[in-house]
Each structure stands twice: as C-alpha cells, then as structure tokens.
Amino acid sequence: RHEKVPFSLAITTQILESSSRKYLEDVVEWG
C-alpha cells in the first residue's frame, strides 16, 4: 500500500477467521 502497488489475496475459506473480514475489506477498498 505504501508503494502504491496493487495487492491480491487468494483465500482458502476454511481458515477464514472473524478478524479476517475487516482485513479483506481493507484490501478491496484500497484497490
């Protein structure tokens, strides 16, 4: 984010935790 280079995550959903939701939203909101 500091370097202004897009970042993507490929998610295996069995390891999703409740705290991950906000993080995923941040990734998408940033671009």
PDB file of all heavy atoms in Angstrom:
ATOM      1  N   ARG A   1       0.829  -1.205   0.000  1.00  0.00           N
ATOM      2  CA  ARG A   1       0.000   0.000   0.000  1.00  0.00           C
ATOM      3  C   ARG A   1       0.864   1.256   0.000  1.00  0.00           C
ATOM      4  O   ARG A   1       0.583   2.210  -0.747  1.00  0.00           O
ATOM      5  CB  ARG A   1      -0.946  -0.004   1.206  1.00  0.00           C
ATOM      6  CG  ARG A   1      -1.810   1.244   1.280  1.00  0.00           C
ATOM      7  CD  ARG A   1      -3.082   1.028   2.061  1.00  0.00           C
ATOM      8  NE  ARG A   1      -2.891   0.595   3.433  1.00  0.00           N
ATOM      9  CZ  ARG A   1      -3.891   0.387   4.292  1.00  0.00           C
ATOM     10  NH1 ARG A   1      -5.156   0.567   3.900  1.00  0.00           N
ATOM     11  NH2 ARG A   1      -3.656  -0.014   5.520  1.00  0.00           N
ATOM     12  N   HIS A   2       1.933   1.227   0.774  1.00  0.00           N
ATOM     13  CA  HIS A   2       2.843   2.377   0.812  1.00  0.00           C
ATOM     14  C   HIS A   2       3.490   2.597  -0.553  1.00  0.00           C
ATOM     15  O   HIS A   2       3.677   3.738  -0.993  1.00  0.00           O
ATOM     16  CB  HIS A   2       3.920   2.156   1.881  1.00  0.00           C
ATOM     17  CG  HIS A   2       4.908   3.278   1.980  1.00  0.00           C
ATOM     18  ND1 HIS A   2       6.108   3.289   1.277  1.00  0.00           N
ATOM     19  CD2 HIS A   2       4.865   4.448   2.684  1.00  0.00           C
ATOM     20  CE1 HIS A   2       6.762   4.398   1.546  1.00  0.00           C
ATOM     21  NE2 HIS A   2       6.042   5.122   2.405  1.00  0.00           N
ATOM     22  N   GLU A   3       3.817   1.508  -1.259  1.00  0.00           N
ATOM     23  CA  GLU A   3       4.452   1.598  -2.571  1.00  0.00           C
ATOM     24  C   GLU A   3       3.446   1.857  -3.697  1.00  0.00           C
ATOM     25  O   GLU A   3       3.839   2.025  -4.849  1.00  0.00           O
ATOM     26  CB  GLU A   3       5.218   0.303  -2.866  1.00  0.00           C
ATOM     27  CG  GLU A   3       6.413   0.060  -1.972  1.00  0.00           C
ATOM     28  CD  GLU A   3       7.500   1.103  -2.175  1.00  0.00           C
ATOM     29  OE1 GLU A   3       7.785   1.430  -3.346  1.00  0.00           O
ATOM     30  OE2 GLU A   3       8.050   1.584  -1.162  1.00  0.00           O
ATOM     31  N   LYS A   4       2.165   1.851  -3.354  1.00  0.00           N
ATOM     32  CA  LYS A   4       1.087   2.058  -4.336  1.00  0.00           C
ATOM     33  C   LYS A   4       1.119   0.995  -5.438  1.00  0.00           C
ATOM     34  O   LYS A   4       0.921   1.277  -6.621  1.00  0.00           O
ATOM     35  CB  LYS A   4       1.147   3.463  -4.940  1.00  0.00           C
ATOM     36  CG  LYS A   4       0.912   4.573  -3.923  1.00  0.00           C
ATOM     37  CD  LYS A   4       0.957   5.949  -4.557  1.00  0.00           C
ATOM     38  CE  LYS A   4       0.530   7.031  -3.580  1.00  0.00           C
ATOM     39  NZ  LYS A   4       1.325   7.071  -2.344  1.00  0.00           N
ATOM     40  N   VAL A   5       1.345  -0.234  -5.021  1.00  0.00           N
ATOM     41  CA  VAL A   5       1.338  -1.389  -5.919  1.00  0.00           C
ATOM     42  C   VAL A   5       0.182  -2.292  -5.513  1.00  0.00           C
ATOM     43  O   VAL A   5       0.084  -2.679  -4.347  1.00  0.00           O
ATOM     44  CB  VAL A   5       2.675  -2.166  -5.853  1.00  0.00           C
ATOM     45  CG1 VAL A   5       2.609  -3.420  -6.721  1.00  0.00           C
ATOM     46  CG2 VAL A   5       3.825  -1.280  -6.283  1.00  0.00           C
ATOM     47  N   PRO A   6      -0.722  -2.625  -6.438  1.00  0.00           N
ATOM     48  CA  PRO A   6      -1.885  -3.461  -6.103  1.00  0.00           C
ATOM     49  C   PRO A   6      -1.493  -4.800  -5.496  1.00  0.00           C
ATOM     50  O   PRO A   6      -0.450  -5.377  -5.830  1.00  0.00           O
ATOM     51  CB  PRO A   6      -2.588  -3.648  -7.445  1.00  0.00           C
ATOM     52  CG  PRO A   6      -2.180  -2.470  -8.249  1.00  0.00           C
ATOM     53  CD  PRO A   6      -0.767  -2.170  -7.833  1.00  0.00           C
ATOM     54  N   PHE A   7      -2.367  -5.294  -4.649  1.00  0.00           N
ATOM     55  CA  PHE A   7      -2.097  -6.454  -3.810  1.00  0.00           C
ATOM     56  C   PHE A   7      -3.329  -7.348  -3.853  1.00  0.00           C
ATOM     57  O   PHE A   7      -4.455  -6.868  -3.727  1.00  0.00           O
ATOM     58  CB  PHE A   7      -1.847  -5.941  -2.391  1.00  0.00           C
ATOM     59  CG  PHE A   7      -1.519  -6.964  -1.345  1.00  0.00           C
ATOM     60  CD1 PHE A   7      -0.202  -7.315  -1.106  1.00  0.00           C
ATOM     61  CD2 PHE A   7      -2.510  -7.541  -0.571  1.00  0.00           C
ATOM     62  CE1 PHE A   7       0.117  -8.213  -0.109  1.00  0.00           C
ATOM     63  CE2 PHE A   7      -2.200  -8.442   0.428  1.00  0.00           C
ATOM     64  CZ  PHE A   7      -0.871  -8.791   0.662  1.00  0.00           C
ATOM     65  N   SER A   8      -3.143  -8.639  -4.046  1.00  0.00           N
ATOM     66  CA  SER A   8      -4.284  -9.558  -4.131  1.00  0.00           C
ATOM     67  C   SER A   8      -4.088 -10.730  -3.183  1.00  0.00           C
ATOM     68  O   SER A   8      -2.952 -11.146  -2.909  1.00  0.00           O
ATOM     69  CB  SER A   8      -4.444 -10.083  -5.564  1.00  0.00           C
ATOM     70  OG  SER A   8      -4.715  -9.034  -6.468  1.00  0.00           O
ATOM     71  N   LEU A   9      -5.204 -11.262  -2.711  1.00  0.00           N
ATOM     72  CA  LEU A   9      -5.187 -12.430  -1.837  1.00  0.00           C
ATOM     73  C   LEU A   9      -6.051 -13.527  -2.450  1.00  0.00           C
ATOM     74  O   LEU A   9      -7.173 -13.269  -2.879  1.00  0.00           O
ATOM     75  CB  LEU A   9      -5.746 -12.088  -0.455  1.00  0.00           C
ATOM     76  CG  LEU A   9      -4.992 -11.046   0.385  1.00  0.00           C
ATOM     77  CD1 LEU A   9      -5.770 -10.747   1.660  1.00  0.00           C
ATOM     78  CD2 LEU A   9      -3.587 -11.529   0.720  1.00  0.00           C
ATOM     79  N   ALA A  10      -5.513 -14.743  -2.498  1.00  0.00           N
ATOM     80  CA  ALA A  10      -6.296 -15.925  -2.869  1.00  0.00           C
ATOM     81  C   ALA A  10      -6.583 -16.679  -1.579  1.00  0.00           C
ATOM     82  O   ALA A  10      -5.658 -17.097  -0.875  1.00  0.00           O
ATOM     83  CB  ALA A  10      -5.531 -16.793  -3.847  1.00  0.00           C
ATOM     84  N   ILE A  11      -7.866 -16.834  -1.251  1.00  0.00           N
ATOM     85  CA  ILE A  11      -8.285 -17.268   0.079  1.00  0.00           C
ATOM     86  C   ILE A  11      -8.776 -18.711   0.081  1.00  0.00           C
ATOM     87  O   ILE A  11      -9.670 -19.080  -0.682  1.00  0.00           O
ATOM     88  CB  ILE A  11      -9.415 -16.364   0.608  1.00  0.00           C
ATOM     89  CG1 ILE A  11      -8.955 -14.899   0.648  1.00  0.00           C
ATOM     90  CG2 ILE A  11      -9.883 -16.819   1.983  1.00  0.00           C
ATOM     91  CD1 ILE A  11      -7.798 -14.658   1.561  1.00  0.00           C
ATOM     92  N   THR A  12      -8.191 -19.530   0.961  1.00  0.00           N
ATOM     93  CA  THR A  12      -8.755 -20.832   1.301  1.00  0.00           C
ATOM     94  C   THR A  12      -9.734 -20.598   2.442  1.00  0.00           C
ATOM     95  O   THR A  12      -9.323 -20.231   3.540  1.00  0.00           O
ATOM     96  CB  THR A  12      -7.642 -21.809   1.721  1.00  0.00           C
ATOM     97  OG1 THR A  12      -6.690 -21.914   0.665  1.00  0.00           O
ATOM     98  CG2 THR A  12      -8.212 -23.183   2.023  1.00  0.00           C
ATOM     99  N   THR A  13     -11.007 -20.784   2.183  1.00  0.00           N
ATOM    100  CA  THR A  13     -12.022 -20.246   3.100  1.00  0.00           C
ATOM    101  C   THR A  13     -12.123 -20.989   4.427  1.00  0.00           C
ATOM    102  O   THR A  13     -12.658 -20.443   5.387  1.00  0.00           O
ATOM    103  CB  THR A  13     -13.400 -20.227   2.425  1.00  0.00           C
ATOM    104  OG1 THR A  13     -13.716 -21.532   1.928  1.00  0.00           O
ATOM    105  CG2 THR A  13     -13.414 -19.237   1.268  1.00  0.00           C
ATOM    106  N   GLN A  14     -11.594 -22.203   4.544  1.00  0.00           N
ATOM    107  CA  GLN A  14     -11.683 -22.904   5.824  1.00  0.00           C
ATOM    108  C   GLN A  14     -10.838 -22.235   6.906  1.00  0.00           C
ATOM    109  O   GLN A  14     -11.037 -22.500   8.099  1.00  0.00           O
ATOM    110  CB  GLN A  14     -11.250 -24.358   5.664  1.00  0.00           C
ATOM    111  CG  GLN A  14      -9.772 -24.552   5.408  1.00  0.00           C
ATOM    112  CD  GLN A  14      -9.337 -26.011   5.466  1.00  0.00           C
ATOM    113  OE1 GLN A  14     -10.160 -26.882   5.730  1.00  0.00           O
ATOM    114  NE2 GLN A  14      -8.068 -26.285   5.208  1.00  0.00           N
ATOM    115  N   ILE A  15      -9.895 -21.383   6.510  1.00  0.00           N
ATOM    116  CA  ILE A  15      -9.052 -20.719   7.511  1.00  0.00           C
ATOM    117  C   ILE A  15      -9.514 -19.285   7.788  1.00  0.00           C
ATOM    118  O   ILE A  15      -8.836 -18.554   8.509  1.00  0.00           O
ATOM    119  CB  ILE A  15      -7.571 -20.730   7.091  1.00  0.00           C
ATOM    120  CG1 ILE A  15      -7.346 -19.932   5.795  1.00  0.00           C
ATOM    121  CG2 ILE A  15      -7.055 -22.153   6.913  1.00  0.00           C
ATOM    122  CD1 ILE A  15      -5.881 -19.756   5.434  1.00  0.00           C
ATOM    123  N   LEU A  16     -10.631 -18.885   7.213  1.00  0.00           N
ATOM    124  CA  LEU A  16     -11.152 -17.547   7.494  1.00  0.00           C
ATOM    125  C   LEU A  16     -11.533 -17.420   8.968  1.00  0.00           C
ATOM    126  O   LEU A  16     -12.210 -18.281   9.534  1.00  0.00           O
ATOM    127  CB  LEU A  16     -12.387 -17.268   6.638  1.00  0.00           C
ATOM    128  CG  LEU A  16     -12.162 -16.663   5.260  1.00  0.00           C
ATOM    129  CD1 LEU A  16     -13.470 -16.628   4.486  1.00  0.00           C
ATOM    130  CD2 LEU A  16     -11.588 -15.264   5.368  1.00  0.00           C
ATOM    131  N   GLU A  17     -11.094 -16.328   9.580  1.00  0.00           N
ATOM    132  CA  GLU A  17     -11.471 -16.017  10.949  1.00  0.00           C
ATOM    133  C   GLU A  17     -12.288 -14.730  10.949  1.00  0.00           C
ATOM    134  O   GLU A  17     -12.281 -13.976   9.978  1.00  0.00           O
ATOM    135  CB  GLU A  17     -10.220 -15.857  11.821  1.00  0.00           C
ATOM    136  CG  GLU A  17      -9.332 -17.093  11.834  1.00  0.00           C
ATOM    137  CD  GLU A  17      -8.033 -16.849  12.575  1.00  0.00           C
ATOM    138  OE1 GLU A  17      -7.850 -15.722  13.096  1.00  0.00           O
ATOM    139  OE2 GLU A  17      -7.204 -17.770  12.626  1.00  0.00           O
ATOM    140  N   SER A  18     -12.987 -14.497  12.032  1.00  0.00           N
ATOM    141  CA  SER A  18     -13.835 -13.299  12.090  1.00  0.00           C
ATOM    142  C   SER A  18     -13.010 -12.031  11.896  1.00  0.00           C
ATOM    143  O   SER A  18     -13.452 -11.068  11.258  1.00  0.00           O
ATOM    144  CB  SER A  18     -14.581 -13.245  13.425  1.00  0.00           C
ATOM    145  OG  SER A  18     -13.655 -13.264  14.514  1.00  0.00           O
ATOM    146  N   SER A  19     -11.772 -12.036  12.392  1.00  0.00           N
ATOM    147  CA  SER A  19     -10.927 -10.848  12.259  1.00  0.00           C
ATOM    148  C   SER A  19     -10.471 -10.637  10.816  1.00  0.00           C
ATOM    149  O   SER A  19     -10.061  -9.537  10.442  1.00  0.00           O
ATOM    150  CB  SER A  19      -9.693 -10.984  13.164  1.00  0.00           C
ATOM    151  OG  SER A  19      -8.947 -12.140  12.824  1.00  0.00           O
ATOM    152  N   SER A  20     -10.529 -11.689  10.004  1.00  0.00           N
ATOM    153  CA  SER A  20     -10.077 -11.579   8.617  1.00  0.00           C
ATOM    154  C   SER A  20     -11.009 -10.720   7.783  1.00  0.00           C
ATOM    155  O   SER A  20     -10.592 -10.161   6.770  1.00  0.00           O
ATOM    156  CB  SER A  20      -9.965 -12.969   7.983  1.00  0.00           C
ATOM    157  OG  SER A  20      -9.064 -13.780   8.692  1.00  0.00           O
ATOM    158  N   ARG A  21     -12.258 -10.623   8.178  1.00  0.00           N
ATOM    159  CA  ARG A  21     -13.247  -9.920   7.356  1.00  0.00           C
ATOM    160  C   ARG A  21     -12.873  -8.462   7.151  1.00  0.00           C
ATOM    161  O   ARG A  21     -12.919  -7.941   6.038  1.00  0.00           O
ATOM    162  CB  ARG A  21     -14.637 -10.040   7.978  1.00  0.00           C
ATOM    163  CG  ARG A  21     -15.158 -11.471   7.974  1.00  0.00           C
ATOM    164  CD  ARG A  21     -16.473 -11.620   8.724  1.00  0.00           C
ATOM    165  NE  ARG A  21     -16.940 -12.990   8.627  1.00  0.00           N
ATOM    166  CZ  ARG A  21     -17.925 -13.400   7.837  1.00  0.00           C
ATOM    167  NH1 ARG A  21     -18.553 -12.522   7.077  1.00  0.00           N
ATOM    168  NH2 ARG A  21     -18.287 -14.665   7.810  1.00  0.00           N
ATOM    169  N   LYS A  22     -12.504  -7.783   8.234  1.00  0.00           N
ATOM    170  CA  LYS A  22     -12.132  -6.375   8.114  1.00  0.00           C
ATOM    171  C   LYS A  22     -10.883  -6.225   7.239  1.00  0.00           C
ATOM    172  O   LYS A  22     -10.788  -5.293   6.427  1.00  0.00           O
ATOM    173  CB  LYS A  22     -11.868  -5.792   9.502  1.00  0.00           C
ATOM    174  CG  LYS A  22     -11.417  -4.326   9.492  1.00  0.00           C
ATOM    175  CD  LYS A  22     -12.507  -3.417   8.927  1.00  0.00           C
ATOM    176  CE  LYS A  22     -12.197  -1.941   9.155  1.00  0.00           C
ATOM    177  NZ  LYS A  22     -10.978  -1.503   8.454  1.00  0.00           N
ATOM    178  N   TYR A  23      -9.950  -7.134   7.391  1.00  0.00           N
ATOM    179  CA  TYR A  23      -8.721  -7.082   6.598  1.00  0.00           C
ATOM    180  C   TYR A  23      -9.034  -7.240   5.108  1.00  0.00           C
ATOM    181  O   TYR A  23      -8.543  -6.481   4.275  1.00  0.00           O
ATOM    182  CB  TYR A  23      -7.773  -8.171   7.085  1.00  0.00           C
ATOM    183  CG  TYR A  23      -6.491  -8.287   6.287  1.00  0.00           C
ATOM    184  CD1 TYR A  23      -5.811  -7.159   5.828  1.00  0.00           C
ATOM    185  CD2 TYR A  23      -5.943  -9.537   6.019  1.00  0.00           C
ATOM    186  CE1 TYR A  23      -4.627  -7.277   5.113  1.00  0.00           C
ATOM    187  CE2 TYR A  23      -4.758  -9.662   5.309  1.00  0.00           C
ATOM    188  CZ  TYR A  23      -4.112  -8.530   4.853  1.00  0.00           C
ATOM    189  OH  TYR A  23      -2.940  -8.656   4.143  1.00  0.00           O
ATOM    190  N   LEU A  24      -9.883  -8.186   4.757  1.00  0.00           N
ATOM    191  CA  LEU A  24     -10.239  -8.385   3.350  1.00  0.00           C
ATOM    192  C   LEU A  24     -10.937  -7.149   2.790  1.00  0.00           C
ATOM    193  O   LEU A  24     -10.696  -6.754   1.643  1.00  0.00           O
ATOM    194  CB  LEU A  24     -11.139  -9.608   3.185  1.00  0.00           C
ATOM    195  CG  LEU A  24     -10.567 -10.960   3.633  1.00  0.00           C
ATOM    196  CD1 LEU A  24     -11.515 -12.092   3.227  1.00  0.00           C
ATOM    197  CD2 LEU A  24      -9.188 -11.198   3.058  1.00  0.00           C
ATOM    198  N   GLU A  25     -11.784  -6.547   3.587  1.00  0.00           N
ATOM    199  CA  GLU A  25     -12.460  -5.317   3.154  1.00  0.00           C
ATOM    200  C   GLU A  25     -11.446  -4.202   2.912  1.00  0.00           C
ATOM    201  O   GLU A  25     -11.565  -3.432   1.952  1.00  0.00           O
ATOM    202  CB  GLU A  25     -13.487  -4.898   4.196  1.00  0.00           C
ATOM    203  CG  GLU A  25     -14.698  -5.833   4.260  1.00  0.00           C
ATOM    204  CD  GLU A  25     -15.602  -5.514   5.440  1.00  0.00           C
ATOM    205  OE1 GLU A  25     -15.189  -4.727   6.328  1.00  0.00           O
ATOM    206  OE2 GLU A  25     -16.724  -6.060   5.490  1.00  0.00           O
ATOM    207  N   ASP A  26     -10.435  -4.107   3.793  1.00  0.00           N
ATOM    208  CA  ASP A  26      -9.395  -3.090   3.615  1.00  0.00           C
ATOM    209  C   ASP A  26      -8.632  -3.304   2.310  1.00  0.00           C
ATOM    210  O   ASP A  26      -8.319  -2.339   1.591  1.00  0.00           O
ATOM    211  CB  ASP A  26      -8.411  -3.131   4.791  1.00  0.00           C
ATOM    212  CG  ASP A  26      -9.001  -2.569   6.070  1.00  0.00           C
ATOM    213  OD1 ASP A  26     -10.065  -1.914   5.999  1.00  0.00           O
ATOM    214  OD2 ASP A  26      -8.403  -2.801   7.141  1.00  0.00           O
ATOM    215  N   VAL A  27      -8.313  -4.560   1.997  1.00  0.00           N
ATOM    216  CA  VAL A  27      -7.573  -4.869   0.770  1.00  0.00           C
ATOM    217  C   VAL A  27      -8.368  -4.421  -0.452  1.00  0.00           C
ATOM    218  O   VAL A  27      -7.835  -3.767  -1.361  1.00  0.00           O
ATOM    219  CB  VAL A  27      -7.249  -6.376   0.696  1.00  0.00           C
ATOM    220  CG1 VAL A  27      -6.721  -6.742  -0.690  1.00  0.00           C
ATOM    221  CG2 VAL A  27      -6.227  -6.764   1.769  1.00  0.00           C
ATOM    222  N   VAL A  28      -9.662  -4.742  -0.474  1.00  0.00           N
ATOM    223  CA  VAL A  28     -10.502  -4.381  -1.624  1.00  0.00           C
ATOM    224  C   VAL A  28     -10.708  -2.877  -1.686  1.00  0.00           C
ATOM    225  O   VAL A  28     -10.637  -2.268  -2.763  1.00  0.00           O
ATOM    226  CB  VAL A  28     -11.841  -5.126  -1.557  1.00  0.00           C
ATOM    227  CG1 VAL A  28     -12.805  -4.606  -2.626  1.00  0.00           C
ATOM    228  CG2 VAL A  28     -11.623  -6.624  -1.738  1.00  0.00           C
ATOM    229  N   GLU A  29     -10.960  -2.249  -0.529  1.00  0.00           N
ATOM    230  CA  GLU A  29     -11.203  -0.803  -0.504  1.00  0.00           C
ATOM    231  C   GLU A  29      -9.980  -0.040  -1.012  1.00  0.00           C
ATOM    232  O   GLU A  29     -10.106   0.978  -1.700  1.00  0.00           O
ATOM    233  CB  GLU A  29     -11.538  -0.356   0.920  1.00  0.00           C
ATOM    234  CG  GLU A  29     -11.854   1.123   1.039  1.00  0.00           C
ATOM    235  CD  GLU A  29     -12.213   1.537   2.454  1.00  0.00           C
ATOM    236  OE1 GLU A  29     -12.384   0.651   3.310  1.00  0.00           O
ATOM    237  OE2 GLU A  29     -12.316   2.753   2.705  1.00  0.00           O
ATOM    238  N   TRP A  30      -8.785  -0.542  -0.698  1.00  0.00           N
ATOM    239  CA  TRP A  30      -7.568   0.143  -1.132  1.00  0.00           C
ATOM    240  C   TRP A  30      -7.322  -0.036  -2.628  1.00  0.00           C
ATOM    241  O   TRP A  30      -6.657   0.772  -3.258  1.00  0.00           O
ATOM    242  CB  TRP A  30      -6.374  -0.376  -0.334  1.00  0.00           C
ATOM    243  CG  TRP A  30      -5.086   0.165  -0.853  1.00  0.00           C
ATOM    244  CD1 TRP A  30      -4.615   1.436  -0.726  1.00  0.00           C
ATOM    245  CD2 TRP A  30      -4.131  -0.531  -1.641  1.00  0.00           C
ATOM    246  NE1 TRP A  30      -3.412   1.577  -1.371  1.00  0.00           N
ATOM    247  CE2 TRP A  30      -3.088   0.373  -1.945  1.00  0.00           C
ATOM    248  CE3 TRP A  30      -4.041  -1.836  -2.108  1.00  0.00           C
ATOM    249  CZ2 TRP A  30      -1.976   0.013  -2.690  1.00  0.00           C
ATOM    250  CZ3 TRP A  30      -2.940  -2.188  -2.851  1.00  0.00           C
ATOM    251  CH2 TRP A  30      -1.929  -1.270  -3.140  1.00  0.00           C
ATOM    252  N   GLY A  31      -7.869  -1.063  -3.238  1.00  0.00           N
ATOM    253  CA  GLY A  31      -7.659  -1.290  -4.668  1.00  0.00           C
ATOM    254  C   GLY A  31      -7.104  -2.656  -4.992  1.00  0.00           C
ATOM    255  O   GLY A  31      -6.695  -2.916  -6.130  1.00  0.00           O
TER     256      GLY A  31
END
